[in-house]
Amino acid sequence: MGSDPFLPYSSKDAVVCRGIGKTWAIDTPRAHEALRDVDLDIRPGEFVVLLGPSGCGKSTLLYLIAGLEAQTSGQIWSFHDEVTTPSPDRSLIFQETSLFPWLAVWQNVSFGLSIRGVPLKERRAVARDALSRVGLVEAMDKRPDELSGGMRQRVAVARALAMRPKVLLMDEPFAALDVQTRAKMQDFLLDVWRDSGASVLFVTHSIDEAVALADRVVVFTSRPGRIKTIVPIDLPRPRDPFSPQCEALRRLLTEELRGEVDRAFAEQEALARTG
């Protein structure tokens, strides 16, 4: 289970990153390098998990692929188009659902369509379809504060699906949920992913979550984030977390991360002393 061999560039790839670097607050006293020389390909329909210590640039990479931030060096393509701005083909889901509390669920789901000027009747129909895919049609006319945390996260997924993205970028979407809800949301996400056909790039700090979800796990170094190794997981889903294969994967990923986490903690402690 070593690193996945690097694949040749293809204009059909969902995401292609070449030589990606990102320095925040560049040319200021607060400058810090988040990413360095990241090369990564995501195939159409692939589920890839980014795993690494806090502050290693995993979320930063999602923002760059989403087109919300510009990289300092390198280039990103998605289905042959260079990424320079946001696109409905690439939807980003944050840890916080960021739903508008004054809008009904269906209005939240169709908000992007309303900005496009899509007629009301069509927006409601698209919202109904997206909510049916996440099992929440009955909540169409409710407000977000009437829903549980897990249900609100499903609404956030439905909102992303309403734009019919080719690439779904997910930044620790289940981190705030309890263990039982998180497990159910993982199962739900795999069902939605299969139905949508989208490529998923999923950030997590949880090794268990990575093993449960991924086709490949991309392990990052401590800051500046670089790709340390890529671990393929060729196991049928749903996966038995207690199987010898899953246990072996957890041990492998734990060992790959151990030194990086230690270095990240040491850096944070040094910054705290000098700050």
C-alpha atoms as a PDB file:
ATOM      1  CA  MET A   1       0.000   0.000   0.000  1.00  0.00           C
ATOM      2  CA  GLY A   2       2.582   2.577  -1.073  1.00  0.00           C
ATOM      3  CA  SER A   3       2.160   5.834  -2.906  1.00  0.00           C
ATOM      4  CA  ASP A   4      -0.124   5.843  -5.909  1.00  0.00           C
ATOM      5  CA  PRO A   5       1.945   6.317  -9.081  1.00  0.00           C
ATOM      6  CA  PHE A   6       1.463   9.792 -10.540  1.00  0.00           C
ATOM      7  CA  LEU A   7      -0.937   9.728 -13.451  1.00  0.00           C
ATOM      8  CA  PRO A   8      -0.320  11.480 -16.790  1.00  0.00           C
ATOM      9  CA  TYR A   9      -2.197  14.724 -17.284  1.00  0.00           C
ATOM     10  CA  SER A  10      -5.545  14.307 -19.036  1.00  0.00           C
ATOM     11  CA  SER A  11      -7.980  17.022 -20.086  1.00  0.00           C
ATOM     12  CA  LYS A  12     -10.719  14.672 -18.858  1.00  0.00           C
ATOM     13  CA  ASP A  13      -9.471  14.748 -15.261  1.00  0.00           C
ATOM     14  CA  ALA A  14     -11.800  16.371 -12.763  1.00  0.00           C
ATOM     15  CA  VAL A  15      -8.941  18.276 -11.102  1.00  0.00           C
ATOM     16  CA  VAL A  16      -5.290  18.663 -12.039  1.00  0.00           C
ATOM     17  CA  CYS A  17      -2.878  20.514  -9.730  1.00  0.00           C
ATOM     18  CA  ARG A  18       0.664  21.195 -10.883  1.00  0.00           C
ATOM     19  CA  GLY A  19       3.330  22.792  -8.698  1.00  0.00           C
ATOM     20  CA  ILE A  20       0.806  24.478  -6.428  1.00  0.00           C
ATOM     21  CA  GLY A  21       2.172  26.803  -3.800  1.00  0.00           C
ATOM     22  CA  LYS A  22       0.373  29.286  -1.582  1.00  0.00           C
ATOM     23  CA  THR A  23       1.832  31.918   0.724  1.00  0.00           C
ATOM     24  CA  TRP A  24      -0.645  33.900   2.795  1.00  0.00           C
ATOM     25  CA  ALA A  25      -0.051  37.628   3.459  1.00  0.00           C
ATOM     26  CA  ILE A  26       2.869  37.553   1.043  1.00  0.00           C
ATOM     27  CA  ASP A  27       5.368  40.433   1.282  1.00  0.00           C
ATOM     28  CA  THR A  28       4.196  41.318   4.795  1.00  0.00           C
ATOM     29  CA  PRO A  29       5.640  40.521   8.248  1.00  0.00           C
ATOM     30  CA  ARG A  30       2.756  38.053   8.693  1.00  0.00           C
ATOM     31  CA  ALA A  31       3.637  36.016   5.591  1.00  0.00           C
ATOM     32  CA  HIS A  32       3.508  32.244   5.991  1.00  0.00           C
ATOM     33  CA  GLU A  33       3.795  29.467   3.440  1.00  0.00           C
ATOM     34  CA  ALA A  34       0.771  27.146   3.499  1.00  0.00           C
ATOM     35  CA  LEU A  35       1.448  24.891   0.478  1.00  0.00           C
ATOM     36  CA  ARG A  36       4.525  23.981  -1.542  1.00  0.00           C
ATOM     37  CA  ASP A  37       4.873  22.073  -4.856  1.00  0.00           C
ATOM     38  CA  VAL A  38       1.583  20.168  -4.696  1.00  0.00           C
ATOM     39  CA  ASP A  39       0.927  17.882  -7.689  1.00  0.00           C
ATOM     40  CA  LEU A  40      -2.393  16.035  -7.616  1.00  0.00           C
ATOM     41  CA  ASP A  41      -4.851  14.533 -10.111  1.00  0.00           C
ATOM     42  CA  ILE A  42      -8.463  13.658  -9.321  1.00  0.00           C
ATOM     43  CA  ARG A  43     -10.236  11.356 -11.732  1.00  0.00           C
ATOM     44  CA  PRO A  44     -13.899  11.764 -12.725  1.00  0.00           C
ATOM     45  CA  GLY A  45     -16.169  10.152 -10.130  1.00  0.00           C
ATOM     46  CA  GLU A  46     -13.304   9.557  -7.686  1.00  0.00           C
ATOM     47  CA  PHE A  47     -13.593  10.038  -3.904  1.00  0.00           C
ATOM     48  CA  VAL A  48     -10.310  11.442  -2.558  1.00  0.00           C
ATOM     49  CA  VAL A  49      -9.652  12.344   1.090  1.00  0.00           C
ATOM     50  CA  LEU A  50      -7.031  14.883   2.195  1.00  0.00           C
ATOM     51  CA  LEU A  51      -5.535  13.961   5.568  1.00  0.00           C
ATOM     52  CA  GLY A  52      -2.902  15.805   7.551  1.00  0.00           C
ATOM     53  CA  PRO A  53      -2.086  17.775  10.706  1.00  0.00           C
ATOM     54  CA  SER A  54      -3.774  21.085  11.509  1.00  0.00           C
ATOM     55  CA  GLY A  55      -2.422  24.015   9.535  1.00  0.00           C
ATOM     56  CA  CYS A  56      -0.924  21.930   6.716  1.00  0.00           C
ATOM     57  CA  GLY A  57      -2.905  23.618   3.935  1.00  0.00           C
ATOM     58  CA  LYS A  58      -5.629  21.035   3.226  1.00  0.00           C
ATOM     59  CA  SER A  59      -8.453  23.582   3.382  1.00  0.00           C
ATOM     60  CA  THR A  60      -6.327  26.107   1.505  1.00  0.00           C
ATOM     61  CA  LEU A  61      -6.033  23.649  -1.386  1.00  0.00           C
ATOM     62  CA  LEU A  62      -9.831  23.336  -1.520  1.00  0.00           C
ATOM     63  CA  TYR A  63     -10.216  27.127  -1.700  1.00  0.00           C
ATOM     64  CA  LEU A  64      -7.717  27.263  -4.557  1.00  0.00           C
ATOM     65  CA  ILE A  65      -9.503  24.510  -6.491  1.00  0.00           C
ATOM     66  CA  ALA A  66     -12.833  26.245  -5.853  1.00  0.00           C
ATOM     67  CA  GLY A  67     -11.386  29.425  -7.366  1.00  0.00           C
ATOM     68  CA  LEU A  68     -11.997  31.426  -4.177  1.00  0.00           C
ATOM     69  CA  GLU A  69      -8.292  32.173  -3.713  1.00  0.00           C
ATOM     70  CA  ALA A  70      -5.381  32.499  -6.127  1.00  0.00           C
ATOM     71  CA  GLN A  71      -2.341  30.279  -5.755  1.00  0.00           C
ATOM     72  CA  THR A  72       1.085  31.886  -5.416  1.00  0.00           C
ATOM     73  CA  SER A  73       2.636  29.426  -7.858  1.00  0.00           C
ATOM     74  CA  GLY A  74       1.548  26.602 -10.157  1.00  0.00           C
ATOM     75  CA  GLN A  75      -1.630  25.969 -12.117  1.00  0.00           C
ATOM     76  CA  ILE A  76      -4.962  24.209 -11.566  1.00  0.00           C
ATOM     77  CA  TRP A  77      -7.265  22.801 -14.229  1.00  0.00           C
ATOM     78  CA  SER A  78     -10.690  21.204 -13.999  1.00  0.00           C
ATOM     79  CA  PHE A  79     -11.989  19.268 -16.999  1.00  0.00           C
ATOM     80  CA  HIS A  80      -9.518  21.037 -19.335  1.00  0.00           C
ATOM     81  CA  ASP A  81     -10.386  24.572 -18.118  1.00  0.00           C
ATOM     82  CA  GLU A  82      -7.833  26.490 -16.064  1.00  0.00           C
ATOM     83  CA  VAL A  83      -9.227  27.462 -12.654  1.00  0.00           C
ATOM     84  CA  THR A  84      -9.061  31.222 -12.149  1.00  0.00           C
ATOM     85  CA  THR A  85     -12.516  32.032 -10.740  1.00  0.00           C
ATOM     86  CA  PRO A  86     -15.367  30.181  -8.980  1.00  0.00           C
ATOM     87  CA  SER A  87     -17.614  27.985 -11.119  1.00  0.00           C
ATOM     88  CA  PRO A  88     -20.903  26.140 -10.502  1.00  0.00           C
ATOM     89  CA  ASP A  89     -19.066  23.038 -11.720  1.00  0.00           C
ATOM     90  CA  ARG A  90     -17.084  23.113  -8.439  1.00  0.00           C
ATOM     91  CA  SER A  91     -19.127  23.396  -5.229  1.00  0.00           C
ATOM     92  CA  LEU A  92     -17.531  23.922  -1.806  1.00  0.00           C
ATOM     93  CA  ILE A  93     -19.207  22.745   1.414  1.00  0.00           C
ATOM     94  CA  PHE A  94     -17.815  24.168   4.658  1.00  0.00           C
ATOM     95  CA  GLN A  95     -17.793  22.728   8.166  1.00  0.00           C
ATOM     96  CA  GLU A  96     -20.365  25.364   9.106  1.00  0.00           C
ATOM     97  CA  THR A  97     -23.453  25.028   6.927  1.00  0.00           C
ATOM     98  CA  SER A  98     -23.853  28.823   6.416  1.00  0.00           C
ATOM     99  CA  LEU A  99     -27.569  28.530   5.728  1.00  0.00           C
ATOM    100  CA  PHE A 100     -29.618  31.723   5.702  1.00  0.00           C
ATOM    101  CA  PRO A 101     -31.870  31.467   8.804  1.00  0.00           C
ATOM    102  CA  TRP A 102     -34.572  33.736   7.347  1.00  0.00           C
ATOM    103  CA  LEU A 103     -35.056  31.566   4.240  1.00  0.00           C
ATOM    104  CA  ALA A 104     -36.978  28.318   3.969  1.00  0.00           C
ATOM    105  CA  VAL A 105     -34.964  25.177   3.309  1.00  0.00           C
ATOM    106  CA  TRP A 106     -35.930  25.056  -0.368  1.00  0.00           C
ATOM    107  CA  GLN A 107     -34.959  28.718  -0.775  1.00  0.00           C
ATOM    108  CA  ASN A 108     -31.551  28.012   0.757  1.00  0.00           C
ATOM    109  CA  VAL A 109     -31.073  25.066  -1.583  1.00  0.00           C
ATOM    110  CA  SER A 110     -31.985  27.106  -4.668  1.00  0.00           C
ATOM    111  CA  PHE A 111     -30.200  30.306  -3.646  1.00  0.00           C
ATOM    112  CA  GLY A 112     -27.501  29.957  -6.314  1.00  0.00           C
ATOM    113  CA  LEU A 113     -30.181  29.493  -8.958  1.00  0.00           C
ATOM    114  CA  SER A 114     -31.968  32.651  -7.811  1.00  0.00           C
ATOM    115  CA  ILE A 115     -28.758  34.625  -8.360  1.00  0.00           C
ATOM    116  CA  ARG A 116     -28.721  33.253 -11.893  1.00  0.00           C
ATOM    117  CA  GLY A 117     -32.251  34.543 -12.432  1.00  0.00           C
ATOM    118  CA  VAL A 118     -33.859  31.095 -12.731  1.00  0.00           C
ATOM    119  CA  PRO A 119     -37.687  31.408 -12.499  1.00  0.00           C
ATOM    120  CA  LEU A 120     -39.334  30.621  -9.159  1.00  0.00           C
ATOM    121  CA  LYS A 121     -41.214  27.528 -10.338  1.00  0.00           C
ATOM    122  CA  GLU A 122     -38.028  25.976 -11.777  1.00  0.00           C
ATOM    123  CA  ARG A 123     -36.036  26.826  -8.632  1.00  0.00           C
ATOM    124  CA  ARG A 124     -38.573  25.085  -6.422  1.00  0.00           C
ATOM    125  CA  ALA A 125     -38.586  22.015  -8.685  1.00  0.00           C
ATOM    126  CA  VAL A 126     -34.780  21.794  -8.640  1.00  0.00           C
ATOM    127  CA  ALA A 127     -34.766  22.237  -4.856  1.00  0.00           C
ATOM    128  CA  ARG A 128     -37.341  19.458  -4.454  1.00  0.00           C
ATOM    129  CA  ASP A 129     -35.225  17.116  -6.585  1.00  0.00           C
ATOM    130  CA  ALA A 130     -32.039  17.931  -4.668  1.00  0.00           C
ATOM    131  CA  LEU A 131     -33.780  17.520  -1.301  1.00  0.00           C
ATOM    132  CA  SER A 132     -35.251  14.202  -2.391  1.00  0.00           C
ATOM    133  CA  ARG A 133     -31.714  12.981  -3.064  1.00  0.00           C
ATOM    134  CA  VAL A 134     -30.755  13.738   0.540  1.00  0.00           C
ATOM    135  CA  GLY A 135     -34.046  12.479   2.021  1.00  0.00           C
ATOM    136  CA  LEU A 136     -35.427  15.841   3.145  1.00  0.00           C
ATOM    137  CA  VAL A 137     -38.333  16.658   0.852  1.00  0.00           C
ATOM    138  CA  GLU A 138     -40.644  16.905   3.857  1.00  0.00           C
ATOM    139  CA  ALA A 139     -38.481  19.736   5.242  1.00  0.00           C
ATOM    140  CA  MET A 140     -38.765  21.965   2.157  1.00  0.00           C
ATOM    141  CA  ASP A 141     -40.770  24.709   3.860  1.00  0.00           C
ATOM    142  CA  LYS A 142     -39.096  24.573   7.263  1.00  0.00           C
ATOM    143  CA  ARG A 143     -36.510  27.053   8.532  1.00  0.00           C
ATOM    144  CA  PRO A 144     -32.923  25.878   9.238  1.00  0.00           C
ATOM    145  CA  ASP A 145     -33.341  26.356  13.005  1.00  0.00           C
ATOM    146  CA  GLU A 146     -36.099  23.735  12.950  1.00  0.00           C
ATOM    147  CA  LEU A 147     -33.621  21.069  11.809  1.00  0.00           C
ATOM    148  CA  SER A 148     -30.972  19.017  13.616  1.00  0.00           C
ATOM    149  CA  GLY A 149     -27.270  19.527  12.906  1.00  0.00           C
ATOM    150  CA  GLY A 150     -27.143  16.480  10.660  1.00  0.00           C
ATOM    151  CA  MET A 151     -30.212  17.611   8.717  1.00  0.00           C
ATOM    152  CA  ARG A 152     -28.739  21.080   8.206  1.00  0.00           C
ATOM    153  CA  GLN A 153     -25.594  19.503   6.792  1.00  0.00           C
ATOM    154  CA  ARG A 154     -27.741  17.460   4.410  1.00  0.00           C
ATOM    155  CA  VAL A 155     -29.405  20.707   3.290  1.00  0.00           C
ATOM    156  CA  ALA A 156     -25.927  22.122   2.603  1.00  0.00           C
ATOM    157  CA  VAL A 157     -25.173  19.075   0.431  1.00  0.00           C
ATOM    158  CA  ALA A 158     -28.506  19.507  -1.363  1.00  0.00           C
ATOM    159  CA  ARG A 159     -27.652  23.176  -2.026  1.00  0.00           C
ATOM    160  CA  ALA A 160     -24.392  22.080  -3.634  1.00  0.00           C
ATOM    161  CA  LEU A 161     -26.137  19.361  -5.661  1.00  0.00           C
ATOM    162  CA  ALA A 162     -28.724  21.858  -6.948  1.00  0.00           C
ATOM    163  CA  MET A 163     -25.943  23.473  -8.995  1.00  0.00           C
ATOM    164  CA  ARG A 164     -25.172  20.044 -10.523  1.00  0.00           C
ATOM    165  CA  PRO A 165     -21.428  20.254  -9.830  1.00  0.00           C
ATOM    166  CA  LYS A 166     -18.852  17.993 -11.409  1.00  0.00           C
ATOM    167  CA  VAL A 167     -16.555  18.417  -8.408  1.00  0.00           C
ATOM    168  CA  LEU A 168     -17.749  18.483  -4.783  1.00  0.00           C
ATOM    169  CA  LEU A 169     -15.236  20.029  -2.364  1.00  0.00           C
ATOM    170  CA  MET A 170     -15.941  19.268   1.296  1.00  0.00           C
ATOM    171  CA  ASP A 171     -14.050  20.934   4.167  1.00  0.00           C
ATOM    172  CA  GLU A 172     -14.534  18.796   7.304  1.00  0.00           C
ATOM    173  CA  PRO A 173     -18.316  18.836   6.841  1.00  0.00           C
ATOM    174  CA  PHE A 174     -19.075  16.377   9.666  1.00  0.00           C
ATOM    175  CA  ALA A 175     -16.522  17.497  12.259  1.00  0.00           C
ATOM    176  CA  ALA A 176     -19.095  19.185  14.518  1.00  0.00           C
ATOM    177  CA  LEU A 177     -21.464  16.185  14.587  1.00  0.00           C
ATOM    178  CA  ASP A 178     -21.662  13.514  17.283  1.00  0.00           C
ATOM    179  CA  VAL A 179     -20.166  10.107  16.548  1.00  0.00           C
ATOM    180  CA  GLN A 180     -23.445   8.360  15.667  1.00  0.00           C
ATOM    181  CA  THR A 181     -24.692  11.168  13.406  1.00  0.00           C
ATOM    182  CA  ARG A 182     -21.296  11.399  11.760  1.00  0.00           C
ATOM    183  CA  ALA A 183     -21.361   7.697  10.862  1.00  0.00           C
ATOM    184  CA  LYS A 184     -24.851   8.032   9.376  1.00  0.00           C
ATOM    185  CA  MET A 185     -23.776  11.105   7.397  1.00  0.00           C
ATOM    186  CA  GLN A 186     -20.835   9.200   5.954  1.00  0.00           C
ATOM    187  CA  ASP A 187     -23.181   6.472   4.692  1.00  0.00           C
ATOM    188  CA  PHE A 188     -25.554   9.100   3.344  1.00  0.00           C
ATOM    189  CA  LEU A 189     -22.720  10.927   1.550  1.00  0.00           C
ATOM    190  CA  LEU A 190     -21.537   7.749  -0.163  1.00  0.00           C
ATOM    191  CA  ASP A 191     -25.074   7.132  -1.474  1.00  0.00           C
ATOM    192  CA  VAL A 192     -25.356  10.714  -2.774  1.00  0.00           C
ATOM    193  CA  TRP A 193     -21.882  10.523  -4.322  1.00  0.00           C
ATOM    194  CA  ARG A 194     -22.739   7.351  -6.235  1.00  0.00           C
ATOM    195  CA  ASP A 195     -25.963   8.877  -7.557  1.00  0.00           C
ATOM    196  CA  SER A 196     -24.416  12.212  -8.535  1.00  0.00           C
ATOM    197  CA  GLY A 197     -21.362  10.898 -10.363  1.00  0.00           C
ATOM    198  CA  ALA A 198     -19.370  13.879  -9.061  1.00  0.00           C
ATOM    199  CA  SER A 199     -15.746  13.740  -7.988  1.00  0.00           C
ATOM    200  CA  VAL A 200     -15.342  14.407  -4.259  1.00  0.00           C
ATOM    201  CA  LEU A 201     -12.366  16.020  -2.558  1.00  0.00           C
ATOM    202  CA  PHE A 202     -12.920  15.682   1.198  1.00  0.00           C
ATOM    203  CA  VAL A 203     -10.822  17.199   4.004  1.00  0.00           C
ATOM    204  CA  THR A 204     -10.739  15.480   7.398  1.00  0.00           C
ATOM    205  CA  HIS A 205      -8.542  15.037  10.456  1.00  0.00           C
ATOM    206  CA  SER A 206     -10.128  11.646  11.172  1.00  0.00           C
ATOM    207  CA  ILE A 207      -8.255   8.536  10.058  1.00  0.00           C
ATOM    208  CA  ASP A 208     -11.395   6.447  10.635  1.00  0.00           C
ATOM    209  CA  GLU A 209     -13.372   8.745   8.338  1.00  0.00           C
ATOM    210  CA  ALA A 210     -10.694   8.586   5.656  1.00  0.00           C
ATOM    211  CA  VAL A 211     -10.666   4.779   5.713  1.00  0.00           C
ATOM    212  CA  ALA A 212     -14.464   4.622   5.564  1.00  0.00           C
ATOM    213  CA  LEU A 213     -14.855   6.965   2.596  1.00  0.00           C
ATOM    214  CA  ALA A 214     -11.851   7.198   0.310  1.00  0.00           C
ATOM    215  CA  ASP A 215     -10.756   5.656  -2.957  1.00  0.00           C
ATOM    216  CA  ARG A 216      -7.400   7.303  -2.201  1.00  0.00           C
ATOM    217  CA  VAL A 217      -6.071   9.066   0.895  1.00  0.00           C
ATOM    218  CA  VAL A 218      -3.656  11.933   0.253  1.00  0.00           C
ATOM    219  CA  VAL A 219      -1.423  12.389   3.317  1.00  0.00           C
ATOM    220  CA  PHE A 220       0.053  15.871   3.793  1.00  0.00           C
ATOM    221  CA  THR A 221       3.204  16.903   5.614  1.00  0.00           C
ATOM    222  CA  SER A 222       3.209  19.587   8.284  1.00  0.00           C
ATOM    223  CA  ARG A 223       3.382  23.187   7.067  1.00  0.00           C
ATOM    224  CA  PRO A 224       4.228  24.052   4.389  1.00  0.00           C
ATOM    225  CA  GLY A 225       1.907  21.315   3.165  1.00  0.00           C
ATOM    226  CA  ARG A 226       3.304  18.913   0.604  1.00  0.00           C
ATOM    227  CA  ILE A 227       2.037  15.512  -0.409  1.00  0.00           C
ATOM    228  CA  LYS A 228       3.890  12.929   1.642  1.00  0.00           C
ATOM    229  CA  THR A 229       2.208   9.839   0.227  1.00  0.00           C
ATOM    230  CA  ILE A 230      -0.999   8.700  -1.467  1.00  0.00           C
ATOM    231  CA  VAL A 231      -2.601   5.536  -0.122  1.00  0.00           C
ATOM    232  CA  PRO A 232      -5.121   3.734  -2.373  1.00  0.00           C
ATOM    233  CA  ILE A 233      -8.020   1.908  -0.705  1.00  0.00           C
ATOM    234  CA  ASP A 234      -9.439  -0.809  -2.917  1.00  0.00           C
ATOM    235  CA  LEU A 235     -12.112  -2.205  -0.598  1.00  0.00           C
ATOM    236  CA  PRO A 236     -15.841  -2.609  -1.294  1.00  0.00           C
ATOM    237  CA  ARG A 237     -18.290  -0.282   0.453  1.00  0.00           C
ATOM    238  CA  PRO A 238     -19.797  -0.247   3.010  1.00  0.00           C
ATOM    239  CA  ARG A 239     -16.558  -1.098   4.817  1.00  0.00           C
ATOM    240  CA  ASP A 240     -16.334  -3.054   8.027  1.00  0.00           C
ATOM    241  CA  PRO A 241     -14.288  -0.800  10.347  1.00  0.00           C
ATOM    242  CA  PHE A 242     -13.249  -3.843  12.393  1.00  0.00           C
ATOM    243  CA  SER A 243     -11.912  -5.839   9.441  1.00  0.00           C
ATOM    244  CA  PRO A 244      -8.182  -6.695   9.327  1.00  0.00           C
ATOM    245  CA  GLN A 245      -7.845  -4.649   6.115  1.00  0.00           C
ATOM    246  CA  CYS A 246      -9.292  -1.495   7.706  1.00  0.00           C
ATOM    247  CA  GLU A 247      -7.212  -1.995  10.821  1.00  0.00           C
ATOM    248  CA  ALA A 248      -4.064  -2.290   8.680  1.00  0.00           C
ATOM    249  CA  LEU A 249      -4.959   0.922   6.849  1.00  0.00           C
ATOM    250  CA  ARG A 250      -5.505   2.777  10.120  1.00  0.00           C
ATOM    251  CA  ARG A 251      -2.107   1.626  11.377  1.00  0.00           C
ATOM    252  CA  LEU A 252      -0.419   2.675   8.129  1.00  0.00           C
ATOM    253  CA  LEU A 253      -2.027   6.137   8.102  1.00  0.00           C
ATOM    254  CA  THR A 254      -1.298   6.635  11.806  1.00  0.00           C
ATOM    255  CA  GLU A 255       2.386   5.924  11.195  1.00  0.00           C
ATOM    256  CA  GLU A 256       2.479   8.218   8.161  1.00  0.00           C
ATOM    257  CA  LEU A 257       0.940  11.052  10.211  1.00  0.00           C
ATOM    258  CA  ARG A 258       2.743  10.594  13.515  1.00  0.00           C
ATOM    259  CA  GLY A 259       5.893  12.554  12.692  1.00  0.00           C
ATOM    260  CA  GLU A 260       3.986  15.245  10.800  1.00  0.00           C
ATOM    261  CA  VAL A 261       1.646  15.874  13.732  1.00  0.00           C
ATOM    262  CA  ASP A 262       4.639  16.096  16.110  1.00  0.00           C
ATOM    263  CA  ARG A 263       6.312  18.662  13.833  1.00  0.00           C
ATOM    264  CA  ALA A 264       3.081  20.674  13.538  1.00  0.00           C
ATOM    265  CA  PHE A 265       2.698  20.807  17.346  1.00  0.00           C
ATOM    266  CA  ALA A 266       6.331  21.839  17.782  1.00  0.00           C
ATOM    267  CA  GLU A 267       5.872  24.643  15.258  1.00  0.00           C
ATOM    268  CA  GLN A 268       2.696  25.869  16.946  1.00  0.00           C
ATOM    269  CA  GLU A 269       4.422  25.891  20.344  1.00  0.00           C
ATOM    270  CA  ALA A 270       7.363  27.833  18.895  1.00  0.00           C
ATOM    271  CA  LEU A 271       5.009  30.389  17.359  1.00  0.00           C
ATOM    272  CA  ALA A 272       3.184  30.768  20.674  1.00  0.00           C
ATOM    273  CA  ARG A 273       6.468  31.474  22.484  1.00  0.00           C
ATOM    274  CA  THR A 274       7.614  34.069  19.941  1.00  0.00           C
ATOM    275  CA  GLY A 275       4.143  35.606  19.542  1.00  0.00           C
END
